[in-house]
Amino acid sequence: MYKVVIIDDEPIIVEGLTRAVNWAELNCSVTGSAPDGQKGIELIRTVEPDIVITDICMPGLSGLQMIAALRSEYPKMQITILTGYREFEYAREAISLGVTRFLLKPSKMDELKEAILAMCEKLAGEDKADESALEAGGFVVKNALHYMREHYAEKLLLSDVADEIYVSQWHLSKLLNREVGQSFSEIMNGIRIEKAKELLKDPSLRIGDIAESVGFQDLPHFSRVFKKIAGVSANEYRNGVK
């Protein structure tokens, strides 16, 4: 019996899907529901369902980020989107990330049943991680790097970035190593030092202030990291800038 989770911020949709579909006939069972993406991710990590039916237009939710997170972290999980969001490009990208069906609300019962059967067939065929799961991993890393570049000046932890893009810490760490070949701290330090190099071109800025502005908590740590990455001290780098 396949486990199903439904994620939607409209209670009537959740209740309708739970009651109207003959899940037992399809060898499925609804094991939980959630009203938004964040709670949905938490539920999925607890239940580890085989099938997820989800909306993408919910408060505080980046639909594609959630889908990419699910596909990369749980590559065998089958996902169908049920939404009122009609933009074609969004649907195309979602399907490229491995979504089985993209259904528009209100959806007919035969469309829902076909989507569920399609997901069950994939599961019965022992669907393995495919190119879409790898693409989803790349999508996750792209979003992680974007967030890191936007927030480099903050005291940023791996857990902060993981929470932002809906994946677990260990999974994000694994993806960064696979896609970039570096750990989170190595990537973060690289981003900060590149920003520091730009600021060092301004002779009016003190090195200590630059270190703080790019996210380092103390000057000695900044100095060690800068020399390790740049091969020279921050002061030598500054003096060498034409």
Protein backbone atom coordinates (compact mmCIF):
# COMPACT_ATOMS: atom_id res chain seq x y z
CA MET A 1 0.00 0.00 0.00
CA TYR A 2 1.55 3.29 -1.14
CA LYS A 3 1.62 6.18 1.35
CA VAL A 4 0.17 9.49 0.13
CA VAL A 5 0.63 13.03 1.48
CA ILE A 6 -1.52 15.98 0.34
CA ILE A 7 -0.22 19.56 0.65
CA ASP A 8 -2.67 22.40 0.05
CA ASP A 9 -3.68 25.56 1.91
CA GLU A 10 -7.35 25.07 0.99
CA PRO A 11 -8.97 22.66 3.52
CA ILE A 12 -11.79 21.90 1.09
CA ILE A 13 -9.27 20.60 -1.47
CA VAL A 14 -7.54 18.39 1.09
CA GLU A 15 -10.85 17.00 2.34
CA GLY A 16 -12.14 16.52 -1.18
CA LEU A 17 -9.06 14.58 -2.29
CA THR A 18 -9.07 12.49 0.87
CA ARG A 19 -12.75 11.54 0.66
CA ALA A 20 -13.57 11.54 -3.06
CA VAL A 21 -10.74 9.29 -4.27
CA ASN A 22 -11.10 5.55 -3.63
CA TRP A 23 -7.52 5.23 -2.39
CA ALA A 24 -7.80 1.60 -1.31
CA GLU A 25 -8.85 0.64 -4.85
CA LEU A 26 -5.62 2.23 -6.07
CA ASN A 27 -3.51 0.44 -3.45
CA CYS A 28 -2.89 3.75 -1.68
CA SER A 29 -3.56 5.32 1.70
CA VAL A 30 -3.54 9.01 2.68
CA THR A 31 -1.16 9.13 5.63
CA GLY A 32 -1.21 12.88 6.24
CA SER A 33 -1.85 16.38 4.95
CA ALA A 34 -0.31 19.82 5.47
CA PRO A 35 -1.56 23.40 4.90
CA ASP A 36 1.68 24.84 3.52
CA GLY A 37 5.03 23.91 2.05
CA GLN A 38 7.12 24.17 5.21
CA LYS A 39 4.79 21.93 7.22
CA GLY A 40 4.56 19.69 4.17
CA ILE A 41 8.33 19.21 4.10
CA GLU A 42 8.34 18.39 7.82
CA LEU A 43 5.53 15.88 7.33
CA ILE A 44 7.29 14.26 4.38
CA ARG A 45 10.49 13.79 6.38
CA THR A 46 8.46 12.11 9.11
CA VAL A 47 6.16 9.93 6.99
CA GLU A 48 8.43 9.40 3.94
CA PRO A 49 5.47 8.93 1.57
CA ASP A 50 5.61 7.32 -1.85
CA ILE A 51 3.29 9.90 -3.44
CA VAL A 52 2.86 13.64 -2.91
CA ILE A 53 0.00 15.72 -4.33
CA THR A 54 0.74 19.40 -3.79
CA ASP A 55 -0.26 22.93 -4.68
CA ILE A 56 2.51 25.41 -5.51
CA CYS A 57 0.74 28.71 -4.75
CA MET A 58 0.71 28.78 -0.96
CA PRO A 59 1.82 31.43 1.56
CA GLY A 60 5.57 31.51 2.11
CA LEU A 61 6.18 28.77 -0.44
CA SER A 62 8.49 28.71 -3.42
CA GLY A 63 6.91 25.89 -5.39
CA LEU A 64 9.82 25.02 -7.65
CA GLN A 65 12.26 25.10 -4.73
CA MET A 66 10.09 22.67 -2.79
CA ILE A 67 9.71 20.35 -5.78
CA ALA A 68 13.45 20.39 -6.48
CA ALA A 69 14.15 19.68 -2.81
CA LEU A 70 11.79 16.70 -2.77
CA ARG A 71 13.06 15.27 -6.05
CA SER A 72 16.72 15.58 -5.07
CA GLU A 73 16.32 14.29 -1.52
CA TYR A 74 13.73 11.59 -2.31
CA PRO A 75 14.37 10.62 -5.95
CA LYS A 76 11.88 7.72 -5.96
CA MET A 77 9.03 9.83 -4.58
CA GLN A 78 6.29 10.58 -7.12
CA ILE A 79 4.85 14.11 -7.26
CA THR A 80 1.73 15.53 -8.90
CA ILE A 81 1.02 19.26 -8.83
CA LEU A 82 -2.59 20.38 -8.45
CA THR A 83 -2.78 24.15 -8.80
CA GLY A 84 -4.58 27.17 -10.14
CA TYR A 85 -1.26 28.60 -11.37
CA ARG A 86 -1.44 28.44 -15.16
CA GLU A 87 1.90 29.76 -16.40
CA PHE A 88 3.30 27.39 -19.02
CA GLU A 89 6.97 28.04 -18.29
CA TYR A 90 6.43 27.09 -14.67
CA ALA A 91 4.77 23.85 -15.70
CA ARG A 92 7.59 23.07 -18.13
CA GLU A 93 10.23 23.57 -15.46
CA ALA A 94 8.30 21.52 -12.90
CA ILE A 95 8.05 18.62 -15.33
CA SER A 96 11.76 18.87 -16.12
CA LEU A 97 12.40 18.45 -12.39
CA GLY A 98 10.53 15.15 -12.44
CA VAL A 99 6.90 15.96 -11.60
CA THR A 100 4.66 13.19 -12.93
CA ARG A 101 1.61 15.35 -13.70
CA PHE A 102 0.78 19.08 -13.67
CA LEU A 103 -2.98 19.43 -13.15
CA LEU A 104 -4.98 22.66 -13.08
CA LYS A 105 -7.75 23.36 -10.59
CA PRO A 106 -10.54 22.49 -10.80
CA SER A 107 -9.39 19.08 -11.99
CA LYS A 108 -11.71 16.30 -13.11
CA MET A 109 -11.78 13.05 -11.16
CA ASP A 110 -10.61 11.02 -14.16
CA GLU A 111 -7.54 13.30 -14.50
CA LEU A 112 -6.70 12.81 -10.82
CA LYS A 113 -7.17 9.07 -11.04
CA GLU A 114 -4.96 8.88 -14.14
CA ALA A 115 -2.25 10.86 -12.36
CA ILE A 116 -2.39 8.59 -9.31
CA LEU A 117 -2.28 5.48 -11.50
CA ALA A 118 0.71 6.89 -13.41
CA MET A 119 2.56 7.48 -10.14
CA CYS A 120 1.70 4.00 -8.89
CA GLU A 121 2.96 2.46 -12.12
CA LYS A 122 6.28 4.24 -11.75
CA LEU A 123 6.57 3.04 -8.17
CA ALA A 124 5.66 -0.53 -9.13
CA GLY A 125 8.36 -0.41 -11.78
CA GLU A 126 10.86 0.44 -9.03
CA ASP A 127 11.46 3.86 -10.50
CA LYS A 128 15.09 4.77 -9.85
CA ALA A 129 16.85 8.11 -9.58
CA ASP A 130 17.03 9.56 -13.09
CA GLU A 131 18.27 12.66 -14.87
CA SER A 132 15.42 14.73 -13.45
CA ALA A 133 16.60 13.95 -9.92
CA LEU A 134 20.10 15.11 -10.87
CA GLU A 135 18.63 18.23 -12.46
CA ALA A 136 16.67 18.86 -9.28
CA GLY A 137 19.90 18.62 -7.30
CA GLY A 138 21.48 21.21 -9.58
CA PHE A 139 18.45 23.46 -9.13
CA VAL A 140 18.78 23.18 -5.33
CA VAL A 141 22.48 24.08 -5.46
CA LYS A 142 21.81 27.06 -7.75
CA ASN A 143 19.29 28.42 -5.25
CA ALA A 144 21.63 27.72 -2.33
CA LEU A 145 24.48 29.63 -3.98
CA HIS A 146 22.18 32.53 -4.83
CA TYR A 147 21.06 32.76 -1.21
CA MET A 148 24.65 32.56 0.05
CA ARG A 149 25.73 35.38 -2.28
CA GLU A 150 22.81 37.53 -1.17
CA HIS A 151 23.41 36.97 2.57
CA TYR A 152 27.20 36.60 2.81
CA ALA A 153 27.47 39.51 5.25
CA GLU A 154 25.31 37.73 7.81
CA LYS A 155 26.30 35.02 10.30
CA LEU A 156 25.13 32.33 7.92
CA LEU A 157 25.02 28.65 8.84
CA LEU A 158 24.47 25.58 6.69
CA SER A 159 21.17 25.07 8.52
CA ASP A 160 19.98 28.58 7.55
CA VAL A 161 20.51 27.92 3.86
CA ALA A 162 19.03 24.41 4.07
CA ASP A 163 15.88 25.75 5.72
CA GLU A 164 15.55 28.43 3.05
CA ILE A 165 15.57 25.92 0.19
CA TYR A 166 13.61 23.11 1.90
CA VAL A 167 16.33 20.45 2.19
CA SER A 168 18.03 18.86 5.17
CA GLN A 169 21.52 19.98 6.19
CA TRP A 170 23.16 16.67 5.36
CA HIS A 171 21.54 16.60 1.92
CA LEU A 172 22.60 20.15 1.09
CA SER A 173 26.13 19.38 2.21
CA LYS A 174 26.18 16.32 -0.06
CA LEU A 175 24.81 18.29 -3.03
CA LEU A 176 27.34 21.11 -2.61
CA ASN A 177 30.21 18.65 -2.56
CA ARG A 178 28.82 16.85 -5.61
CA GLU A 179 28.03 19.93 -7.71
CA VAL A 180 30.75 22.36 -6.59
CA GLY A 181 33.41 20.07 -5.10
CA GLN A 182 33.63 22.16 -1.92
CA SER A 183 32.13 22.18 1.55
CA PHE A 184 29.67 24.84 2.69
CA SER A 185 32.31 26.71 4.68
CA GLU A 186 34.77 26.65 1.77
CA ILE A 187 32.17 28.07 -0.61
CA MET A 188 31.07 30.68 1.93
CA ASN A 189 34.66 31.77 2.56
CA GLY A 190 35.27 32.02 -1.18
CA ILE A 191 32.25 34.27 -1.67
CA ARG A 192 33.28 36.50 1.23
CA ILE A 193 36.88 36.83 0.08
CA GLU A 194 35.78 37.78 -3.44
CA LYS A 195 33.61 40.51 -1.93
CA ALA A 196 36.54 41.61 0.25
CA LYS A 197 38.78 41.89 -2.82
CA GLU A 198 36.31 44.30 -4.39
CA LEU A 199 36.21 46.44 -1.25
CA LEU A 200 40.00 46.48 -0.90
CA LYS A 201 40.15 48.52 -4.08
CA ASP A 202 38.84 51.44 -2.02
CA PRO A 203 41.83 52.75 0.01
CA SER A 204 39.55 54.69 2.36
CA LEU A 205 38.16 51.46 3.86
CA ARG A 206 39.97 49.90 6.81
CA ILE A 207 40.75 46.18 6.49
CA GLY A 208 39.09 45.48 9.84
CA ASP A 209 35.88 47.13 8.67
CA ILE A 210 36.01 45.20 5.39
CA ALA A 211 36.41 41.91 7.27
CA GLU A 212 33.32 42.67 9.35
CA SER A 213 31.27 43.87 6.40
CA VAL A 214 31.77 40.59 4.49
CA GLY A 215 30.73 38.41 7.41
CA PHE A 216 33.88 37.58 9.38
CA GLN A 217 33.57 37.80 13.15
CA ASP A 218 37.19 38.80 13.80
CA LEU A 219 40.16 40.17 11.88
CA PRO A 220 42.64 37.30 12.60
CA HIS A 221 40.23 34.76 11.13
CA PHE A 222 39.65 36.95 8.08
CA SER A 223 43.41 37.37 7.62
CA ARG A 224 44.05 33.61 7.73
CA VAL A 225 41.27 32.82 5.29
CA PHE A 226 42.21 35.65 2.91
CA LYS A 227 45.85 34.52 2.69
CA LYS A 228 44.82 30.89 2.22
CA ILE A 229 42.52 31.74 -0.69
CA ALA A 230 44.30 34.71 -2.28
CA GLY A 231 47.87 33.56 -1.62
CA VAL A 232 48.81 36.96 -0.20
CA SER A 233 47.70 39.03 2.78
CA ALA A 234 44.85 41.51 2.45
CA ASN A 235 47.29 44.38 2.80
CA GLU A 236 49.61 42.93 0.13
CA TYR A 237 46.62 42.43 -2.17
CA ARG A 238 45.55 46.01 -1.63
CA ASN A 239 49.02 47.37 -2.39
CA GLY A 240 49.19 45.29 -5.54
CA VAL A 241 45.94 46.60 -6.95
CA LYS A 242 46.61 49.00 -9.82
